PDB file of all heavy atoms in Angstrom:
ATOM      1  N   ALA A   1    -113.692 181.292  90.747  1.00  0.00           N
ATOM      2  CA  ALA A   1    -115.158 181.397  90.747  1.00  0.00           C
ATOM      3  C   ALA A   1    -115.709 182.400  89.730  1.00  0.00           C
ATOM      4  O   ALA A   1    -116.654 182.077  88.990  1.00  0.00           O
ATOM      5  CB  ALA A   1    -115.662 181.721  92.148  1.00  0.00           C
ATOM      6  N   PRO A   2    -115.171 183.623  89.633  1.00  0.00           N
ATOM      7  CA  PRO A   2    -115.734 184.547  88.639  1.00  0.00           C
ATOM      8  C   PRO A   2    -115.489 184.137  87.192  1.00  0.00           C
ATOM      9  O   PRO A   2    -116.259 184.491  86.301  1.00  0.00           O
ATOM     10  CB  PRO A   2    -115.057 185.891  88.948  1.00  0.00           C
ATOM     11  CG  PRO A   2    -113.953 185.613  89.862  1.00  0.00           C
ATOM     12  CD  PRO A   2    -114.190 184.292  90.506  1.00  0.00           C
ATOM     13  N   PHE A   3    -114.419 183.350  86.948  1.00  0.00           N
ATOM     14  CA  PHE A   3    -114.204 182.825  85.594  1.00  0.00           C
ATOM     15  C   PHE A   3    -115.287 181.800  85.260  1.00  0.00           C
ATOM     16  O   PHE A   3    -115.838 181.787  84.153  1.00  0.00           O
ATOM     17  CB  PHE A   3    -112.823 182.163  85.485  1.00  0.00           C
ATOM     18  CG  PHE A   3    -111.680 183.143  85.491  1.00  0.00           C
ATOM     19  CD1 PHE A   3    -110.899 183.308  86.622  1.00  0.00           C
ATOM     20  CD2 PHE A   3    -111.393 183.907  84.378  1.00  0.00           C
ATOM     21  CE1 PHE A   3    -109.846 184.207  86.640  1.00  0.00           C
ATOM     22  CE2 PHE A   3    -110.345 184.810  84.374  1.00  0.00           C
ATOM     23  CZ  PHE A   3    -109.568 184.967  85.517  1.00  0.00           C
ATOM     24  N   GLU A   4    -115.570 180.922  86.225  1.00  0.00           N
ATOM     25  CA  GLU A   4    -116.608 179.911  86.014  1.00  0.00           C
ATOM     26  C   GLU A   4    -117.967 180.573  85.817  1.00  0.00           C
ATOM     27  O   GLU A   4    -118.774 180.125  84.988  1.00  0.00           O
ATOM     28  CB  GLU A   4    -116.622 178.948  87.195  1.00  0.00           C
ATOM     29  CG  GLU A   4    -115.374 178.082  87.241  1.00  0.00           C
ATOM     30  CD  GLU A   4    -115.145 177.358  88.557  1.00  0.00           C
ATOM     31  OE1 GLU A   4    -115.830 177.685  89.549  1.00  0.00           O
ATOM     32  OE2 GLU A   4    -114.267 176.474  88.605  1.00  0.00           O
ATOM     33  N   ALA A   5    -118.217 181.657  86.554  1.00  0.00           N
ATOM     34  CA  ALA A   5    -119.473 182.391  86.396  1.00  0.00           C
ATOM     35  C   ALA A   5    -119.585 182.981  84.989  1.00  0.00           C
ATOM     36  O   ALA A   5    -120.647 182.928  84.357  1.00  0.00           O
ATOM     37  CB  ALA A   5    -119.565 183.497  87.450  1.00  0.00           C
ATOM     38  N   GLN A   6    -118.474 183.535  84.494  1.00  0.00           N
ATOM     39  CA  GLN A   6    -118.491 184.098  83.131  1.00  0.00           C
ATOM     40  C   GLN A   6    -118.674 183.001  82.085  1.00  0.00           C
ATOM     41  O   GLN A   6    -119.346 183.201  81.074  1.00  0.00           O
ATOM     42  CB  GLN A   6    -117.182 184.847  82.859  1.00  0.00           C
ATOM     43  CG  GLN A   6    -117.067 186.161  83.628  1.00  0.00           C
ATOM     44  CD  GLN A   6    -115.691 186.777  83.460  1.00  0.00           C
ATOM     45  OE1 GLN A   6    -115.433 187.479  82.486  1.00  0.00           O
ATOM     46  NE2 GLN A   6    -114.804 186.507  84.407  1.00  0.00           N
ATOM     47  N   ALA A   7    -118.044 181.835  82.336  1.00  0.00           N
ATOM     48  CA  ALA A   7    -118.207 180.720  81.391  1.00  0.00           C
ATOM     49  C   ALA A   7    -119.657 180.257  81.339  1.00  0.00           C
ATOM     50  O   ALA A   7    -120.109 179.702  80.342  1.00  0.00           O
ATOM     51  CB  ALA A   7    -117.295 179.562  81.792  1.00  0.00           C
ATOM     52  N   ASN A   8    -120.402 180.494  82.417  1.00  0.00           N
ATOM     53  CA  ASN A   8    -121.825 180.176  82.471  1.00  0.00           C
ATOM     54  C   ASN A   8    -122.664 181.288  81.820  1.00  0.00           C
ATOM     55  O   ASN A   8    -123.879 181.139  81.673  1.00  0.00           O
ATOM     56  CB  ASN A   8    -122.240 179.978  83.934  1.00  0.00           C
ATOM     57  CG  ASN A   8    -123.597 179.345  84.090  1.00  0.00           C
ATOM     58  OD1 ASN A   8    -124.596 180.041  84.201  1.00  0.00           O
ATOM     59  ND2 ASN A   8    -123.652 178.020  84.110  1.00  0.00           N
ATOM     60  N   GLY A   9    -121.998 182.390  81.447  1.00  0.00           N
ATOM     61  CA  GLY A   9    -122.686 183.500  80.797  1.00  0.00           C
ATOM     62  C   GLY A   9    -123.131 184.605  81.728  1.00  0.00           C
ATOM     63  O   GLY A   9    -123.692 185.617  81.292  1.00  0.00           O
ATOM     64  N   LEU A  10    -122.908 184.435  83.033  1.00  0.00           N
ATOM     65  CA  LEU A  10    -123.450 185.367  84.027  1.00  0.00           C
ATOM     66  C   LEU A  10    -122.786 186.742  84.003  1.00  0.00           C
ATOM     67  O   LEU A  10    -121.578 186.847  83.791  1.00  0.00           O
ATOM     68  CB  LEU A  10    -123.259 184.798  85.440  1.00  0.00           C
ATOM     69  CG  LEU A  10    -124.252 183.749  85.912  1.00  0.00           C
ATOM     70  CD1 LEU A  10    -123.726 183.066  87.163  1.00  0.00           C
ATOM     71  CD2 LEU A  10    -125.617 184.390  86.188  1.00  0.00           C
ATOM     72  N   PRO A  11    -123.583 187.794  84.291  1.00  0.00           N
ATOM     73  CA  PRO A  11    -122.969 189.075  84.640  1.00  0.00           C
ATOM     74  C   PRO A  11    -122.280 188.924  85.997  1.00  0.00           C
ATOM     75  O   PRO A  11    -122.771 188.198  86.869  1.00  0.00           O
ATOM     76  CB  PRO A  11    -124.156 190.044  84.757  1.00  0.00           C
ATOM     77  CG  PRO A  11    -125.353 189.308  84.262  1.00  0.00           C
ATOM     78  CD  PRO A  11    -125.044 187.852  84.331  1.00  0.00           C
ATOM     79  N   VAL A  12    -121.136 189.585  86.164  1.00  0.00           N
ATOM     80  CA  VAL A  12    -120.367 189.506  87.415  1.00  0.00           C
ATOM     81  C   VAL A  12    -120.191 190.922  87.962  1.00  0.00           C
ATOM     82  O   VAL A  12    -119.838 191.838  87.216  1.00  0.00           O
ATOM     83  CB  VAL A  12    -118.978 188.867  87.174  1.00  0.00           C
ATOM     84  CG1 VAL A  12    -118.123 188.912  88.435  1.00  0.00           C
ATOM     85  CG2 VAL A  12    -119.128 187.436  86.673  1.00  0.00           C
ATOM     86  N   LEU A  13    -120.431 191.074  89.261  1.00  0.00           N
ATOM     87  CA  LEU A  13    -120.176 192.351  89.931  1.00  0.00           C
ATOM     88  C   LEU A  13    -119.117 192.104  91.001  1.00  0.00           C
ATOM     89  O   LEU A  13    -119.322 191.304  91.917  1.00  0.00           O
ATOM     90  CB  LEU A  13    -121.458 192.906  90.564  1.00  0.00           C
ATOM     91  CG  LEU A  13    -121.295 194.199  91.376  1.00  0.00           C
ATOM     92  CD1 LEU A  13    -120.721 195.337  90.518  1.00  0.00           C
ATOM     93  CD2 LEU A  13    -122.631 194.626  91.986  1.00  0.00           C
ATOM     94  N   ALA A  14    -117.960 192.794  90.879  1.00  0.00           N
ATOM     95  CA  ALA A  14    -116.822 192.543  91.771  1.00  0.00           C
ATOM     96  C   ALA A  14    -116.302 193.848  92.366  1.00  0.00           C
ATOM     97  O   ALA A  14    -116.598 194.942  91.863  1.00  0.00           O
ATOM     98  CB  ALA A  14    -115.710 191.850  90.986  1.00  0.00           C
ATOM     99  N   SER A  15    -115.517 193.701  93.421  1.00  0.00           N
ATOM    100  CA  SER A  15    -114.923 194.882  94.060  1.00  0.00           C
ATOM    101  C   SER A  15    -113.680 195.331  93.289  1.00  0.00           C
ATOM    102  O   SER A  15    -112.849 194.511  92.903  1.00  0.00           O
ATOM    103  CB  SER A  15    -114.550 194.573  95.510  1.00  0.00           C
ATOM    104  OG  SER A  15    -113.658 193.476  95.554  1.00  0.00           O
ATOM    105  N   LYS A  16    -113.572 196.635  93.126  1.00  0.00           N
ATOM    106  CA  LYS A  16    -112.453 197.209  92.373  1.00  0.00           C
ATOM    107  C   LYS A  16    -111.134 197.037  93.123  1.00  0.00           C
ATOM    108  O   LYS A  16    -110.097 196.764  92.537  1.00  0.00           O
ATOM    109  CB  LYS A  16    -112.738 198.699  92.132  1.00  0.00           C
ATOM    110  CG  LYS A  16    -111.808 199.365  91.148  1.00  0.00           C
ATOM    111  CD  LYS A  16    -112.382 200.674  90.634  1.00  0.00           C
ATOM    112  CE  LYS A  16    -112.508 201.705  91.756  1.00  0.00           C
ATOM    113  NZ  LYS A  16    -112.987 203.014  91.249  1.00  0.00           N
ATOM    114  N   GLU A  17    -111.180 197.182  94.441  1.00  0.00           N
ATOM    115  CA  GLU A  17    -109.950 197.126  95.233  1.00  0.00           C
ATOM    116  C   GLU A  17    -109.471 195.703  95.468  1.00  0.00           C
ATOM    117  O   GLU A  17    -108.268 195.446  95.513  1.00  0.00           O
ATOM    118  CB  GLU A  17    -110.149 197.783  96.619  1.00  0.00           C
ATOM    119  CG  GLU A  17    -110.479 199.254  96.573  1.00  0.00           C
ATOM    120  CD  GLU A  17    -111.973 199.522  96.459  1.00  0.00           C
ATOM    121  OE1 GLU A  17    -112.748 198.587  96.154  1.00  0.00           O
ATOM    122  OE2 GLU A  17    -112.363 200.679  96.693  1.00  0.00           O
ATOM    123  N   GLY A  18    -110.405 194.763  95.642  1.00  0.00           N
ATOM    124  CA  GLY A  18    -110.025 193.426  96.091  1.00  0.00           C
ATOM    125  C   GLY A  18    -109.835 192.398  95.004  1.00  0.00           C
ATOM    126  O   GLY A  18    -109.138 191.403  95.203  1.00  0.00           O
ATOM    127  N   VAL A  19    -110.458 192.605  93.845  1.00  0.00           N
ATOM    128  CA  VAL A  19    -110.457 191.573  92.796  1.00  0.00           C
ATOM    129  C   VAL A  19    -109.651 192.079  91.594  1.00  0.00           C
ATOM    130  O   VAL A  19    -109.931 193.157  91.074  1.00  0.00           O
ATOM    131  CB  VAL A  19    -111.907 191.232  92.374  1.00  0.00           C
ATOM    132  CG1 VAL A  19    -111.919 190.160  91.292  1.00  0.00           C
ATOM    133  CG2 VAL A  19    -112.716 190.775  93.594  1.00  0.00           C
ATOM    134  N   PRO A  20    -108.642 191.316  91.148  1.00  0.00           N
ATOM    135  CA  PRO A  20    -107.802 191.783  90.040  1.00  0.00           C
ATOM    136  C   PRO A  20    -108.589 192.013  88.762  1.00  0.00           C
ATOM    137  O   PRO A  20    -109.535 191.274  88.462  1.00  0.00           O
ATOM    138  CB  PRO A  20    -106.794 190.647  89.838  1.00  0.00           C
ATOM    139  CG  PRO A  20    -106.904 189.783  91.029  1.00  0.00           C
ATOM    140  CD  PRO A  20    -108.248 189.993  91.631  1.00  0.00           C
ATOM    141  N   LYS A  21    -108.163 193.024  88.027  1.00  0.00           N
ATOM    142  CA  LYS A  21    -108.835 193.361  86.756  1.00  0.00           C
ATOM    143  C   LYS A  21    -108.756 192.206  85.754  1.00  0.00           C
ATOM    144  O   LYS A  21    -109.563 192.114  84.828  1.00  0.00           O
ATOM    145  CB  LYS A  21    -108.235 194.633  86.159  1.00  0.00           C
ATOM    146  CG  LYS A  21    -106.766 194.508  85.782  1.00  0.00           C
ATOM    147  CD  LYS A  21    -106.177 195.817  85.296  1.00  0.00           C
ATOM    148  CE  LYS A  21    -104.735 195.667  84.817  1.00  0.00           C
ATOM    149  NZ  LYS A  21    -103.800 195.121  85.810  1.00  0.00           N
ATOM    150  N   GLU A  22    -107.762 191.303  85.955  1.00  0.00           N
ATOM    151  CA  GLU A  22    -107.582 190.183  85.023  1.00  0.00           C
ATOM    152  C   GLU A  22    -108.777 189.240  84.985  1.00  0.00           C
ATOM    153  O   GLU A  22    -108.880 188.419  84.073  1.00  0.00           O
ATOM    154  CB  GLU A  22    -106.337 189.359  85.392  1.00  0.00           C
ATOM    155  CG  GLU A  22    -105.023 190.050  85.110  1.00  0.00           C
ATOM    156  CD  GLU A  22    -104.432 190.751  86.331  1.00  0.00           C
ATOM    157  OE1 GLU A  22    -105.225 191.218  87.191  1.00  0.00           O
ATOM    158  OE2 GLU A  22    -103.209 190.856  86.425  1.00  0.00           O
ATOM    159  N   ILE A  23    -109.689 189.314  85.962  1.00  0.00           N
ATOM    160  CA  ILE A  23    -110.843 188.395  85.914  1.00  0.00           C
ATOM    161  C   ILE A  23    -111.791 188.731  84.771  1.00  0.00           C
ATOM    162  O   ILE A  23    -112.612 187.909  84.385  1.00  0.00           O
ATOM    163  CB  ILE A  23    -111.657 188.365  87.240  1.00  0.00           C
ATOM    164  CG1 ILE A  23    -112.386 189.684  87.472  1.00  0.00           C
ATOM    165  CG2 ILE A  23    -110.828 187.930  88.414  1.00  0.00           C
ATOM    166  CD1 ILE A  23    -113.666 189.549  88.255  1.00  0.00           C
ATOM    167  N   ALA A  24    -111.694 189.937  84.225  1.00  0.00           N
ATOM    168  CA  ALA A  24    -112.666 190.373  83.208  1.00  0.00           C
ATOM    169  C   ALA A  24    -112.324 189.782  81.840  1.00  0.00           C
ATOM    170  O   ALA A  24    -111.672 190.408  81.010  1.00  0.00           O
ATOM    171  CB  ALA A  24    -112.714 191.897  83.142  1.00  0.00           C
ATOM    172  N   VAL A  25    -112.782 188.558  81.615  1.00  0.00           N
ATOM    173  CA  VAL A  25    -112.583 187.886  80.328  1.00  0.00           C
ATOM    174  C   VAL A  25    -113.652 188.338  79.341  1.00  0.00           C
ATOM    175  O   VAL A  25    -113.374 188.565  78.167  1.00  0.00           O
ATOM    176  CB  VAL A  25    -112.636 186.354  80.513  1.00  0.00           C
ATOM    177  CG1 VAL A  25    -112.651 185.635  79.171  1.00  0.00           C
ATOM    178  CG2 VAL A  25    -111.442 185.887  81.333  1.00  0.00           C
ATOM    179  N   THR A  26    -114.883 188.464  79.807  1.00  0.00           N
ATOM    180  CA  THR A  26    -115.994 188.916  78.953  1.00  0.00           C
ATOM    181  C   THR A  26    -116.342 190.369  79.310  1.00  0.00           C
ATOM    182  O   THR A  26    -115.949 190.854  80.377  1.00  0.00           O
ATOM    183  CB  THR A  26    -117.252 188.041  79.170  1.00  0.00           C
ATOM    184  OG1 THR A  26    -117.830 188.381  80.441  1.00  0.00           O
ATOM    185  CG2 THR A  26    -116.917 186.555  79.129  1.00  0.00           C
TER     186      THR A  26
END
């Protein structure tokens, strides 16, 4: 889901503990 959100151009706000740092493509 956060990859698809980034592909749409959206800013993403995620939890540091629960979501892997690898989601940060942009």
